[in-house]
């Protein structure tokens, strides 16, 4: 008598899922402060921008809405804190909050220009340390990481308890200046505070450095230029700074350099804030050519012919890719 043989058919197991990075898919969300830079960054990365909407109602109320699913994604919201400063800052907070409530895996605030970086210390009685208050607010909204460029005071990174990546505009600006092949060039800082950064410019360009000395006596956004340290006679000079608001510091220093025998005066500034009247002022100055980056997109006035814009979209894109892929951001900045 033969016995029946029973063949067990294994139960169907779970189907293998496609690999997904633990940080989620890369997503770029454009805030209203930097739409052109956001698009340029997305183009470099080869991704589409997350559709979204920001609106300011007639009484000043800011409204934001994300128009596609961001659940589980690694989102970089690009929103500078430039004019109108408070509207843009509040919009940034709302974007972070909206993304966290929409279950984004990680939210990185990409802040090309952080205006409140100027409020980094308590140097007068009974004043607010504004940059610290802003850092606390950004963290309270739920951000996981922050990416900034050329903070007015690098120690502001320490105001945050989340990681902060700090980019420098002088690589892109130096590359542009180098392409111009300006002879007999000297780099000059308008004050002692920017001397170290000026030395980095000089090292990248392979030229000498000079240092200006200025004094700011109040909040009127005017300065007294006292003297310049270094040889500038019969030299072409590149004035460098992290930002310019009224342009008066650069113009005053340019005038002094001319008096000291300098030939052509150039300027390289990361953040061209250029408040009302500043662009015209620079256009009529002795500055032959001024180079600014595209961290600020909404000028108060049209740029005159002697102001040129150098894009930092690729630098931001490379940094975003490094953060997303969990590789080193500092490798983007080899020592001069």
C-alpha atoms as a PDB file:
ATOM      1  CA  UNK A   1       0.000   0.000   0.000  1.00  0.00           C
ATOM      2  CA  UNK A   2       1.541   3.244  -1.106  1.00  0.00           C
ATOM      3  CA  UNK A   3       1.390   6.338   1.079  1.00  0.00           C
ATOM      4  CA  UNK A   4       0.490   9.705  -0.366  1.00  0.00           C
ATOM      5  CA  UNK A   5       3.254  12.286  -0.443  1.00  0.00           C
ATOM      6  CA  UNK A   6       2.206  15.771   0.652  1.00  0.00           C
ATOM      7  CA  UNK A   7       4.159  18.685  -0.766  1.00  0.00           C
ATOM      8  CA  UNK A   8       4.087  21.842   1.324  1.00  0.00           C
ATOM      9  CA  UNK A   9       3.816  25.026  -0.659  1.00  0.00           C
ATOM     10  CA  UNK A  10       5.466  27.850   1.296  1.00  0.00           C
ATOM     11  CA  UNK A  11       3.300  30.835   2.026  1.00  0.00           C
ATOM     12  CA  UNK A  12       4.038  33.800  -0.152  1.00  0.00           C
ATOM     13  CA  UNK A  13       6.405  36.099   1.715  1.00  0.00           C
ATOM     14  CA  UNK A  14       6.603  39.878   1.503  1.00  0.00           C
ATOM     15  CA  UNK A  15       7.693  41.173  -1.823  1.00  0.00           C
ATOM     16  CA  UNK A  16      11.068  42.932  -1.869  1.00  0.00           C
ATOM     17  CA  UNK A  17      10.729  46.689  -1.808  1.00  0.00           C
ATOM     18  CA  UNK A  18      12.868  49.044  -3.894  1.00  0.00           C
ATOM     19  CA  UNK A  19      15.765  50.577  -1.985  1.00  0.00           C
ATOM     20  CA  UNK A  20      15.027  53.933  -0.432  1.00  0.00           C
ATOM     21  CA  UNK A  21      17.608  56.036   1.354  1.00  0.00           C
ATOM     22  CA  UNK A  22      16.840  56.304   5.084  1.00  0.00           C
ATOM     23  CA  UNK A  23      16.617  60.098   4.805  1.00  0.00           C
ATOM     24  CA  UNK A  24      13.892  59.916   2.148  1.00  0.00           C
ATOM     25  CA  UNK A  25      13.714  61.353  -1.361  1.00  0.00           C
ATOM     26  CA  UNK A  26      15.331  64.747  -1.970  1.00  0.00           C
ATOM     27  CA  UNK A  27      12.851  67.624  -2.229  1.00  0.00           C
ATOM     28  CA  UNK A  28      13.460  71.354  -2.803  1.00  0.00           C
ATOM     29  CA  UNK A  29      10.746  73.758  -1.641  1.00  0.00           C
ATOM     30  CA  UNK A  30      11.060  77.375  -2.828  1.00  0.00           C
ATOM     31  CA  UNK A  31      10.076  80.133  -0.428  1.00  0.00           C
ATOM     32  CA  UNK A  32       8.962  83.463  -1.848  1.00  0.00           C
ATOM     33  CA  UNK A  33      12.257  85.220  -0.999  1.00  0.00           C
ATOM     34  CA  UNK A  34      14.452  83.259  -3.454  1.00  0.00           C
ATOM     35  CA  UNK A  35      12.397  81.827  -6.347  1.00  0.00           C
ATOM     36  CA  UNK A  36      15.122  82.289  -8.990  1.00  0.00           C
ATOM     37  CA  UNK A  37      17.909  80.857  -6.832  1.00  0.00           C
ATOM     38  CA  UNK A  38      15.639  77.960  -5.852  1.00  0.00           C
ATOM     39  CA  UNK A  39      14.986  77.100  -9.489  1.00  0.00           C
ATOM     40  CA  UNK A  40      18.691  77.368 -10.344  1.00  0.00           C
ATOM     41  CA  UNK A  41      19.573  75.014  -7.463  1.00  0.00           C
ATOM     42  CA  UNK A  42      16.888  72.530  -8.527  1.00  0.00           C
ATOM     43  CA  UNK A  43      18.190  72.632 -12.105  1.00  0.00           C
ATOM     44  CA  UNK A  44      21.712  71.773 -10.936  1.00  0.00           C
ATOM     45  CA  UNK A  45      20.373  68.917  -8.799  1.00  0.00           C
ATOM     46  CA  UNK A  46      18.117  67.668 -11.593  1.00  0.00           C
ATOM     47  CA  UNK A  47      14.924  67.727  -9.498  1.00  0.00           C
ATOM     48  CA  UNK A  48      11.610  69.539  -9.750  1.00  0.00           C
ATOM     49  CA  UNK A  49      10.603  72.142  -7.197  1.00  0.00           C
ATOM     50  CA  UNK A  50       7.893  71.163  -4.738  1.00  0.00           C
ATOM     51  CA  UNK A  51       4.769  73.126  -5.755  1.00  0.00           C
ATOM     52  CA  UNK A  52       3.722  75.454  -2.968  1.00  0.00           C
ATOM     53  CA  UNK A  53       2.092  78.794  -2.279  1.00  0.00           C
ATOM     54  CA  UNK A  54       2.907  81.712   0.018  1.00  0.00           C
ATOM     55  CA  UNK A  55       0.492  84.613   0.374  1.00  0.00           C
ATOM     56  CA  UNK A  56       0.341  87.755   2.507  1.00  0.00           C
ATOM     57  CA  UNK A  57      -3.201  88.919   3.233  1.00  0.00           C
ATOM     58  CA  UNK A  58      -4.158  92.590   3.211  1.00  0.00           C
ATOM     59  CA  UNK A  59      -3.704  92.966   6.984  1.00  0.00           C
ATOM     60  CA  UNK A  60      -0.223  91.367   6.859  1.00  0.00           C
ATOM     61  CA  UNK A  61      -1.143  87.788   7.796  1.00  0.00           C
ATOM     62  CA  UNK A  62       1.240  85.261   6.167  1.00  0.00           C
ATOM     63  CA  UNK A  63      -0.212  82.030   4.738  1.00  0.00           C
ATOM     64  CA  UNK A  64       1.714  79.046   3.312  1.00  0.00           C
ATOM     65  CA  UNK A  65       0.596  75.750   1.737  1.00  0.00           C
ATOM     66  CA  UNK A  66       2.478  72.765   0.297  1.00  0.00           C
ATOM     67  CA  UNK A  67       0.727  71.378  -2.774  1.00  0.00           C
ATOM     68  CA  UNK A  68       2.132  67.837  -2.922  1.00  0.00           C
ATOM     69  CA  UNK A  69       2.915  64.970  -0.569  1.00  0.00           C
ATOM     70  CA  UNK A  70       6.211  65.330   1.334  1.00  0.00           C
ATOM     71  CA  UNK A  71       5.715  62.443   3.783  1.00  0.00           C
ATOM     72  CA  UNK A  72       9.027  60.723   4.497  1.00  0.00           C
ATOM     73  CA  UNK A  73      11.044  63.069   2.235  1.00  0.00           C
ATOM     74  CA  UNK A  74      14.277  64.972   2.900  1.00  0.00           C
ATOM     75  CA  UNK A  75      13.100  68.541   2.329  1.00  0.00           C
ATOM     76  CA  UNK A  76      15.248  71.646   1.874  1.00  0.00           C
ATOM     77  CA  UNK A  77      13.220  74.846   2.130  1.00  0.00           C
ATOM     78  CA  UNK A  78      15.043  77.793   0.516  1.00  0.00           C
ATOM     79  CA  UNK A  79      14.007  81.058   2.134  1.00  0.00           C
ATOM     80  CA  UNK A  80      16.293  84.017   2.718  1.00  0.00           C
ATOM     81  CA  UNK A  81      15.676  86.517   5.507  1.00  0.00           C
ATOM     82  CA  UNK A  82      15.996  89.701   3.470  1.00  0.00           C
ATOM     83  CA  UNK A  83      13.583  92.583   2.774  1.00  0.00           C
ATOM     84  CA  UNK A  84      10.786  92.428   3.819  1.00  0.00           C
ATOM     85  CA  UNK A  85      12.773  90.852   6.637  1.00  0.00           C
ATOM     86  CA  UNK A  86      10.036  90.070   9.142  1.00  0.00           C
ATOM     87  CA  UNK A  87       7.577  88.723   6.544  1.00  0.00           C
ATOM     88  CA  UNK A  88      10.262  86.458   5.095  1.00  0.00           C
ATOM     89  CA  UNK A  89      11.357  85.256   8.520  1.00  0.00           C
ATOM     90  CA  UNK A  90       7.807  84.405   9.618  1.00  0.00           C
ATOM     91  CA  UNK A  91       7.227  82.660   6.285  1.00  0.00           C
ATOM     92  CA  UNK A  92      10.313  80.515   6.944  1.00  0.00           C
ATOM     93  CA  UNK A  93       8.918  79.477  10.343  1.00  0.00           C
ATOM     94  CA  UNK A  94       5.580  78.564   8.783  1.00  0.00           C
ATOM     95  CA  UNK A  95       7.222  76.508   6.029  1.00  0.00           C
ATOM     96  CA  UNK A  96       9.171  74.507   8.607  1.00  0.00           C
ATOM     97  CA  UNK A  97       6.037  73.969  10.682  1.00  0.00           C
ATOM     98  CA  UNK A  98       3.965  72.949   7.643  1.00  0.00           C
ATOM     99  CA  UNK A  99       6.628  70.454   6.528  1.00  0.00           C
ATOM    100  CA  UNK A 100       6.919  68.862   9.963  1.00  0.00           C
ATOM    101  CA  UNK A 101       3.125  68.566  10.231  1.00  0.00           C
ATOM    102  CA  UNK A 102       3.119  66.973   6.758  1.00  0.00           C
ATOM    103  CA  UNK A 103       5.496  64.273   8.099  1.00  0.00           C
ATOM    104  CA  UNK A 104       8.645  65.237   6.211  1.00  0.00           C
ATOM    105  CA  UNK A 105      11.481  62.952   7.281  1.00  0.00           C
ATOM    106  CA  UNK A 106      13.954  65.829   7.709  1.00  0.00           C
ATOM    107  CA  UNK A 107      13.651  69.586   7.192  1.00  0.00           C
ATOM    108  CA  UNK A 108      16.678  71.739   6.402  1.00  0.00           C
ATOM    109  CA  UNK A 109      16.272  75.507   6.371  1.00  0.00           C
ATOM    110  CA  UNK A 110      18.427  76.935   3.568  1.00  0.00           C
ATOM    111  CA  UNK A 111      18.873  80.627   4.401  1.00  0.00           C
ATOM    112  CA  UNK A 112      21.010  82.307   1.709  1.00  0.00           C
ATOM    113  CA  UNK A 113      21.006  85.632   3.594  1.00  0.00           C
ATOM    114  CA  UNK A 114      20.209  85.980   7.294  1.00  0.00           C
ATOM    115  CA  UNK A 115      19.656  89.679   7.962  1.00  0.00           C
ATOM    116  CA  UNK A 116      19.408  89.316  11.735  1.00  0.00           C
ATOM    117  CA  UNK A 117      22.967  88.005  11.820  1.00  0.00           C
ATOM    118  CA  UNK A 118      23.937  91.614  12.525  1.00  0.00           C
ATOM    119  CA  UNK A 119      22.250  91.301  15.941  1.00  0.00           C
ATOM    120  CA  UNK A 120      24.782  88.843  17.338  1.00  0.00           C
ATOM    121  CA  UNK A 121      25.752  90.447  20.677  1.00  0.00           C
ATOM    122  CA  UNK A 122      24.658  92.665  23.542  1.00  0.00           C
ATOM    123  CA  UNK A 123      27.003  95.588  22.987  1.00  0.00           C
ATOM    124  CA  UNK A 124      24.658  98.247  24.391  1.00  0.00           C
ATOM    125  CA  UNK A 125      22.491  98.336  27.521  1.00  0.00           C
ATOM    126  CA  UNK A 126      18.995  96.860  27.290  1.00  0.00           C
ATOM    127  CA  UNK A 127      19.151  95.519  23.708  1.00  0.00           C
ATOM    128  CA  UNK A 128      18.050  92.186  22.305  1.00  0.00           C
ATOM    129  CA  UNK A 129      20.447  89.592  20.899  1.00  0.00           C
ATOM    130  CA  UNK A 130      18.208  89.277  17.849  1.00  0.00           C
ATOM    131  CA  UNK A 131      20.090  86.499  16.085  1.00  0.00           C
ATOM    132  CA  UNK A 132      19.737  84.267  19.159  1.00  0.00           C
ATOM    133  CA  UNK A 133      15.991  84.931  19.372  1.00  0.00           C
ATOM    134  CA  UNK A 134      15.645  84.011  15.677  1.00  0.00           C
ATOM    135  CA  UNK A 135      17.689  80.840  16.162  1.00  0.00           C
ATOM    136  CA  UNK A 136      15.440  79.777  19.041  1.00  0.00           C
ATOM    137  CA  UNK A 137      12.342  80.443  16.924  1.00  0.00           C
ATOM    138  CA  UNK A 138      13.655  78.419  13.958  1.00  0.00           C
ATOM    139  CA  UNK A 139      14.432  75.500  16.254  1.00  0.00           C
ATOM    140  CA  UNK A 140      11.046  75.763  17.985  1.00  0.00           C
ATOM    141  CA  UNK A 141       9.347  75.482  14.580  1.00  0.00           C
ATOM    142  CA  UNK A 142      10.970  72.051  14.247  1.00  0.00           C
ATOM    143  CA  UNK A 143      13.907  72.419  11.859  1.00  0.00           C
ATOM    144  CA  UNK A 144      16.457  69.583  11.796  1.00  0.00           C
ATOM    145  CA  UNK A 145      19.337  71.416  10.165  1.00  0.00           C
ATOM    146  CA  UNK A 146      20.308  74.871   8.868  1.00  0.00           C
ATOM    147  CA  UNK A 147      22.363  75.865   5.815  1.00  0.00           C
ATOM    148  CA  UNK A 148      23.586  79.473   5.552  1.00  0.00           C
ATOM    149  CA  UNK A 149      26.087  81.565   3.622  1.00  0.00           C
ATOM    150  CA  UNK A 150      28.584  84.160   4.906  1.00  0.00           C
ATOM    151  CA  UNK A 151      27.087  84.951   8.280  1.00  0.00           C
ATOM    152  CA  UNK A 152      28.063  88.433   9.441  1.00  0.00           C
ATOM    153  CA  UNK A 153      29.314  86.750  12.632  1.00  0.00           C
ATOM    154  CA  UNK A 154      30.282  83.062  12.311  1.00  0.00           C
ATOM    155  CA  UNK A 155      29.722  82.484  16.052  1.00  0.00           C
ATOM    156  CA  UNK A 156      25.971  82.610  15.311  1.00  0.00           C
ATOM    157  CA  UNK A 157      26.326  78.937  14.404  1.00  0.00           C
ATOM    158  CA  UNK A 158      26.644  78.373  18.147  1.00  0.00           C
ATOM    159  CA  UNK A 159      23.230  79.945  18.770  1.00  0.00           C
ATOM    160  CA  UNK A 160      21.664  76.797  17.281  1.00  0.00           C
ATOM    161  CA  UNK A 161      21.502  73.391  18.926  1.00  0.00           C
ATOM    162  CA  UNK A 162      20.817  71.722  15.561  1.00  0.00           C
ATOM    163  CA  UNK A 163      23.661  71.305  13.020  1.00  0.00           C
ATOM    164  CA  UNK A 164      24.544  74.393  10.982  1.00  0.00           C
ATOM    165  CA  UNK A 165      26.476  74.262   7.707  1.00  0.00           C
ATOM    166  CA  UNK A 166      28.152  77.551   6.813  1.00  0.00           C
ATOM    167  CA  UNK A 167      29.029  78.274   3.183  1.00  0.00           C
ATOM    168  CA  UNK A 168      31.427  80.940   1.925  1.00  0.00           C
ATOM    169  CA  UNK A 169      30.860  83.137  -1.108  1.00  0.00           C
ATOM    170  CA  UNK A 170      34.510  83.998  -1.630  1.00  0.00           C
ATOM    171  CA  UNK A 171      35.259  80.886  -3.675  1.00  0.00           C
ATOM    172  CA  UNK A 172      32.680  81.769  -6.356  1.00  0.00           C
ATOM    173  CA  UNK A 173      33.582  85.463  -6.288  1.00  0.00           C
ATOM    174  CA  UNK A 174      37.329  84.765  -6.409  1.00  0.00           C
ATOM    175  CA  UNK A 175      36.874  82.436  -9.386  1.00  0.00           C
ATOM    176  CA  UNK A 176      35.037  85.211 -11.224  1.00  0.00           C
ATOM    177  CA  UNK A 177      37.667  87.826 -10.396  1.00  0.00           C
ATOM    178  CA  UNK A 178      40.442  85.429 -11.398  1.00  0.00           C
ATOM    179  CA  UNK A 179      38.821  84.997 -14.815  1.00  0.00           C
ATOM    180  CA  UNK A 180      39.189  88.751 -15.428  1.00  0.00           C
ATOM    181  CA  UNK A 181      43.013  88.612 -15.209  1.00  0.00           C
ATOM    182  CA  UNK A 182      43.279  91.979 -13.443  1.00  0.00           C
ATOM    183  CA  UNK A 183      46.986  92.946 -13.262  1.00  0.00           C
ATOM    184  CA  UNK A 184      48.765  94.320 -10.158  1.00  0.00           C
ATOM    185  CA  UNK A 185      45.854  93.367  -7.929  1.00  0.00           C
ATOM    186  CA  UNK A 186      45.662  93.908  -4.166  1.00  0.00           C
ATOM    187  CA  UNK A 187      42.799  92.658  -1.963  1.00  0.00           C
ATOM    188  CA  UNK A 188      41.593  95.138   0.668  1.00  0.00           C
ATOM    189  CA  UNK A 189      39.266  94.659   3.619  1.00  0.00           C
ATOM    190  CA  UNK A 190      37.249  97.762   4.572  1.00  0.00           C
ATOM    191  CA  UNK A 191      37.820  97.015   8.274  1.00  0.00           C
ATOM    192  CA  UNK A 192      39.816  94.837  10.643  1.00  0.00           C
ATOM    193  CA  UNK A 193      36.819  92.584  11.308  1.00  0.00           C
ATOM    194  CA  UNK A 194      36.886  91.209   7.760  1.00  0.00           C
ATOM    195  CA  UNK A 195      40.688  90.958   7.576  1.00  0.00           C
ATOM    196  CA  UNK A 196      40.792  87.154   7.893  1.00  0.00           C
ATOM    197  CA  UNK A 197      38.291  86.705   5.070  1.00  0.00           C
ATOM    198  CA  UNK A 198      40.227  89.211   2.963  1.00  0.00           C
ATOM    199  CA  UNK A 199      43.329  87.084   3.534  1.00  0.00           C
ATOM    200  CA  UNK A 200      41.397  84.082   2.182  1.00  0.00           C
ATOM    201  CA  UNK A 201      40.477  86.069  -0.936  1.00  0.00           C
ATOM    202  CA  UNK A 202      44.117  87.088  -1.348  1.00  0.00           C
ATOM    203  CA  UNK A 203      45.331  83.507  -0.927  1.00  0.00           C
ATOM    204  CA  UNK A 204      42.899  82.211  -3.555  1.00  0.00           C
ATOM    205  CA  UNK A 205      43.918  84.961  -5.973  1.00  0.00           C
ATOM    206  CA  UNK A 206      47.620  84.805  -5.111  1.00  0.00           C
ATOM    207  CA  UNK A 207      47.893  88.546  -4.426  1.00  0.00           C
ATOM    208  CA  UNK A 208      48.830  90.802  -1.453  1.00  0.00           C
ATOM    209  CA  UNK A 209      46.319  92.063   1.101  1.00  0.00           C
ATOM    210  CA  UNK A 210      45.660  95.499   2.645  1.00  0.00           C
ATOM    211  CA  UNK A 211      43.378  96.393   5.564  1.00  0.00           C
ATOM    212  CA  UNK A 212      41.180  99.425   6.087  1.00  0.00           C
ATOM    213  CA  UNK A 213      40.289 100.941   9.431  1.00  0.00           C
ATOM    214  CA  UNK A 214      36.799 102.357   9.963  1.00  0.00           C
ATOM    215  CA  UNK A 215      34.736 103.555  12.893  1.00  0.00           C
ATOM    216  CA  UNK A 216      30.949 103.264  13.275  1.00  0.00           C
ATOM    217  CA  UNK A 217      29.655 105.638  15.925  1.00  0.00           C
ATOM    218  CA  UNK A 218      25.865 105.061  15.834  1.00  0.00           C
ATOM    219  CA  UNK A 219      23.021 103.260  14.000  1.00  0.00           C
ATOM    220  CA  UNK A 220      22.810 105.769  11.136  1.00  0.00           C
ATOM    221  CA  UNK A 221      24.502 103.272   8.741  1.00  0.00           C
ATOM    222  CA  UNK A 222      27.364 105.704   8.135  1.00  0.00           C
ATOM    223  CA  UNK A 223      31.019 105.165   8.969  1.00  0.00           C
ATOM    224  CA  UNK A 224      34.236 107.134   9.270  1.00  0.00           C
ATOM    225  CA  UNK A 225      37.114 105.656   7.260  1.00  0.00           C
ATOM    226  CA  UNK A 226      40.299 106.400   9.167  1.00  0.00           C
ATOM    227  CA  UNK A 227      43.206 104.879   7.215  1.00  0.00           C
ATOM    228  CA  UNK A 228      44.387 101.970   5.061  1.00  0.00           C
ATOM    229  CA  UNK A 229      47.218  99.648   6.088  1.00  0.00           C
ATOM    230  CA  UNK A 230      49.233  98.297   3.164  1.00  0.00           C
ATOM    231  CA  UNK A 231      50.742  99.371  -0.139  1.00  0.00           C
ATOM    232  CA  UNK A 232      48.110 100.265  -2.750  1.00  0.00           C
ATOM    233  CA  UNK A 233      49.948 102.909  -4.773  1.00  0.00           C
ATOM    234  CA  UNK A 234      49.789 102.151  -8.526  1.00  0.00           C
ATOM    235  CA  UNK A 235      47.815  98.969  -7.755  1.00  0.00           C
ATOM    236  CA  UNK A 236      44.381  97.782  -8.794  1.00  0.00           C
ATOM    237  CA  UNK A 237      42.411  97.082  -5.621  1.00  0.00           C
ATOM    238  CA  UNK A 238      39.643  94.572  -4.901  1.00  0.00           C
ATOM    239  CA  UNK A 239      37.545  95.644  -1.902  1.00  0.00           C
ATOM    240  CA  UNK A 240      35.904  92.624  -0.231  1.00  0.00           C
ATOM    241  CA  UNK A 241      33.137  92.323   2.366  1.00  0.00           C
ATOM    242  CA  UNK A 242      30.345  89.976   3.419  1.00  0.00           C
ATOM    243  CA  UNK A 243      27.537  92.485   2.807  1.00  0.00           C
ATOM    244  CA  UNK A 244      26.809  96.064   1.860  1.00  0.00           C
ATOM    245  CA  UNK A 245      23.602  97.885   2.744  1.00  0.00           C
ATOM    246  CA  UNK A 246      24.016 101.544   1.854  1.00  0.00           C
ATOM    247  CA  UNK A 247      27.323 101.189  -0.008  1.00  0.00           C
ATOM    248  CA  UNK A 248      28.819 104.086   1.927  1.00  0.00           C
ATOM    249  CA  UNK A 249      31.600 102.050   3.596  1.00  0.00           C
ATOM    250  CA  UNK A 250      32.814 100.690   0.275  1.00  0.00           C
ATOM    251  CA  UNK A 251      32.578 104.069  -1.441  1.00  0.00           C
ATOM    252  CA  UNK A 252      34.423 105.855   1.367  1.00  0.00           C
ATOM    253  CA  UNK A 253      37.171 103.253   1.310  1.00  0.00           C
ATOM    254  CA  UNK A 254      37.353 103.429  -2.489  1.00  0.00           C
ATOM    255  CA  UNK A 255      37.779 107.209  -2.296  1.00  0.00           C
ATOM    256  CA  UNK A 256      40.562 106.819   0.280  1.00  0.00           C
ATOM    257  CA  UNK A 257      42.319 104.202  -1.863  1.00  0.00           C
ATOM    258  CA  UNK A 258      42.231 106.609  -4.790  1.00  0.00           C
ATOM    259  CA  UNK A 259      43.813 109.273  -2.598  1.00  0.00           C
ATOM    260  CA  UNK A 260      46.536 106.774  -1.686  1.00  0.00           C
ATOM    261  CA  UNK A 261      47.418 106.315  -5.358  1.00  0.00           C
ATOM    262  CA  UNK A 262      45.400 103.209  -6.295  1.00  0.00           C
ATOM    263  CA  UNK A 263      44.387 102.746  -9.928  1.00  0.00           C
ATOM    264  CA  UNK A 264      41.106 100.901 -10.638  1.00  0.00           C
ATOM    265  CA  UNK A 265      38.874  99.935  -7.694  1.00  0.00           C
ATOM    266  CA  UNK A 266      36.799  96.748  -7.766  1.00  0.00           C
ATOM    267  CA  UNK A 267      34.539  95.271  -5.079  1.00  0.00           C
ATOM    268  CA  UNK A 268      33.363  91.739  -4.275  1.00  0.00           C
ATOM    269  CA  UNK A 269      30.524  91.396  -1.772  1.00  0.00           C
ATOM    270  CA  UNK A 270      28.557  88.238  -1.022  1.00  0.00           C
ATOM    271  CA  UNK A 271      25.255  89.847  -0.016  1.00  0.00           C
ATOM    272  CA  UNK A 272      24.254  92.904  -2.009  1.00  0.00           C
ATOM    273  CA  UNK A 273      21.502  94.186   0.284  1.00  0.00           C
ATOM    274  CA  UNK A 274      21.602  97.615  -1.414  1.00  0.00           C
ATOM    275  CA  UNK A 275      18.909  99.581   0.377  1.00  0.00           C
ATOM    276  CA  UNK A 276      17.040 102.411  -1.342  1.00  0.00           C
ATOM    277  CA  UNK A 277      19.494 104.685  -3.153  1.00  0.00           C
ATOM    278  CA  UNK A 278      22.514 102.413  -2.653  1.00  0.00           C
ATOM    279  CA  UNK A 279      22.653 101.091  -6.230  1.00  0.00           C
ATOM    280  CA  UNK A 280      22.614 104.603  -7.682  1.00  0.00           C
ATOM    281  CA  UNK A 281      25.246 105.666  -5.158  1.00  0.00           C
ATOM    282  CA  UNK A 282      27.564 102.838  -6.213  1.00  0.00           C
ATOM    283  CA  UNK A 283      26.859 103.523  -9.881  1.00  0.00           C
ATOM    284  CA  UNK A 284      28.130 107.067  -9.459  1.00  0.00           C
ATOM    285  CA  UNK A 285      31.156 106.098  -7.346  1.00  0.00           C
ATOM    286  CA  UNK A 286      34.793 105.474  -8.311  1.00  0.00           C
ATOM    287  CA  UNK A 287      34.176 101.700  -8.061  1.00  0.00           C
ATOM    288  CA  UNK A 288      34.804 100.405 -11.579  1.00  0.00           C
ATOM    289  CA  UNK A 289      33.020  97.065 -11.100  1.00  0.00           C
ATOM    290  CA  UNK A 290      31.252  95.483  -8.146  1.00  0.00           C
ATOM    291  CA  UNK A 291      30.463  91.764  -7.958  1.00  0.00           C
ATOM    292  CA  UNK A 292      27.645  90.427  -5.765  1.00  0.00           C
ATOM    293  CA  UNK A 293      26.032  86.987  -5.517  1.00  0.00           C
ATOM    294  CA  UNK A 294      22.391  86.054  -6.100  1.00  0.00           C
ATOM    295  CA  UNK A 295      21.562  85.403  -2.427  1.00  0.00           C
ATOM    296  CA  UNK A 296      19.237  88.438  -2.577  1.00  0.00           C
ATOM    297  CA  UNK A 297      16.882  88.722  -5.549  1.00  0.00           C
ATOM    298  CA  UNK A 298      14.642  91.729  -4.895  1.00  0.00           C
ATOM    299  CA  UNK A 299      16.711  94.905  -5.215  1.00  0.00           C
ATOM    300  CA  UNK A 300      15.176  98.178  -4.133  1.00  0.00           C
ATOM    301  CA  UNK A 301      16.493  99.786  -7.325  1.00  0.00           C
ATOM    302  CA  UNK A 302      17.758  98.430 -10.678  1.00  0.00           C
ATOM    303  CA  UNK A 303      21.447  97.579 -10.698  1.00  0.00           C
ATOM    304  CA  UNK A 304      23.674 100.087 -12.509  1.00  0.00           C
ATOM    305  CA  UNK A 305      26.075  98.850 -15.229  1.00  0.00           C
ATOM    306  CA  UNK A 306      28.988  98.552 -12.789  1.00  0.00           C
ATOM    307  CA  UNK A 307      27.232  95.908 -10.618  1.00  0.00           C
ATOM    308  CA  UNK A 308      27.418  92.298 -11.824  1.00  0.00           C
ATOM    309  CA  UNK A 309      25.795  89.218 -10.251  1.00  0.00           C
ATOM    310  CA  UNK A 310      27.732  85.967  -9.732  1.00  0.00           C
ATOM    311  CA  UNK A 311      25.543  82.915  -9.060  1.00  0.00           C
ATOM    312  CA  UNK A 312      26.137  80.644  -6.059  1.00  0.00           C
ATOM    313  CA  UNK A 313      23.433  78.173  -7.104  1.00  0.00           C
ATOM    314  CA  UNK A 314      25.941  75.390  -7.825  1.00  0.00           C
ATOM    315  CA  UNK A 315      27.609  75.860  -4.448  1.00  0.00           C
ATOM    316  CA  UNK A 316      24.271  75.572  -2.641  1.00  0.00           C
ATOM    317  CA  UNK A 317      23.318  72.594  -4.804  1.00  0.00           C
ATOM    318  CA  UNK A 318      26.600  70.828  -3.999  1.00  0.00           C
ATOM    319  CA  UNK A 319      26.071  71.475  -0.283  1.00  0.00           C
ATOM    320  CA  UNK A 320      22.484  70.194  -0.420  1.00  0.00           C
ATOM    321  CA  UNK A 321      23.639  67.066  -2.254  1.00  0.00           C
ATOM    322  CA  UNK A 322      26.352  66.503   0.364  1.00  0.00           C
ATOM    323  CA  UNK A 323      23.873  66.876   3.237  1.00  0.00           C
ATOM    324  CA  UNK A 324      21.365  64.584   1.533  1.00  0.00           C
ATOM    325  CA  UNK A 325      23.998  61.943   0.744  1.00  0.00           C
ATOM    326  CA  UNK A 326      25.571  62.253   4.203  1.00  0.00           C
ATOM    327  CA  UNK A 327      28.965  63.324   2.880  1.00  0.00           C
ATOM    328  CA  UNK A 328      31.253  66.154   4.006  1.00  0.00           C
ATOM    329  CA  UNK A 329      30.203  69.730   3.287  1.00  0.00           C
ATOM    330  CA  UNK A 330      33.593  71.081   4.361  1.00  0.00           C
ATOM    331  CA  UNK A 331      35.216  69.253   1.435  1.00  0.00           C
ATOM    332  CA  UNK A 332      33.610  71.879  -0.814  1.00  0.00           C
ATOM    333  CA  UNK A 333      36.010  74.433   0.662  1.00  0.00           C
ATOM    334  CA  UNK A 334      39.633  73.321   0.273  1.00  0.00           C
ATOM    335  CA  UNK A 335      42.140  75.466   2.139  1.00  0.00           C
ATOM    336  CA  UNK A 336      43.310  78.475   0.080  1.00  0.00           C
END
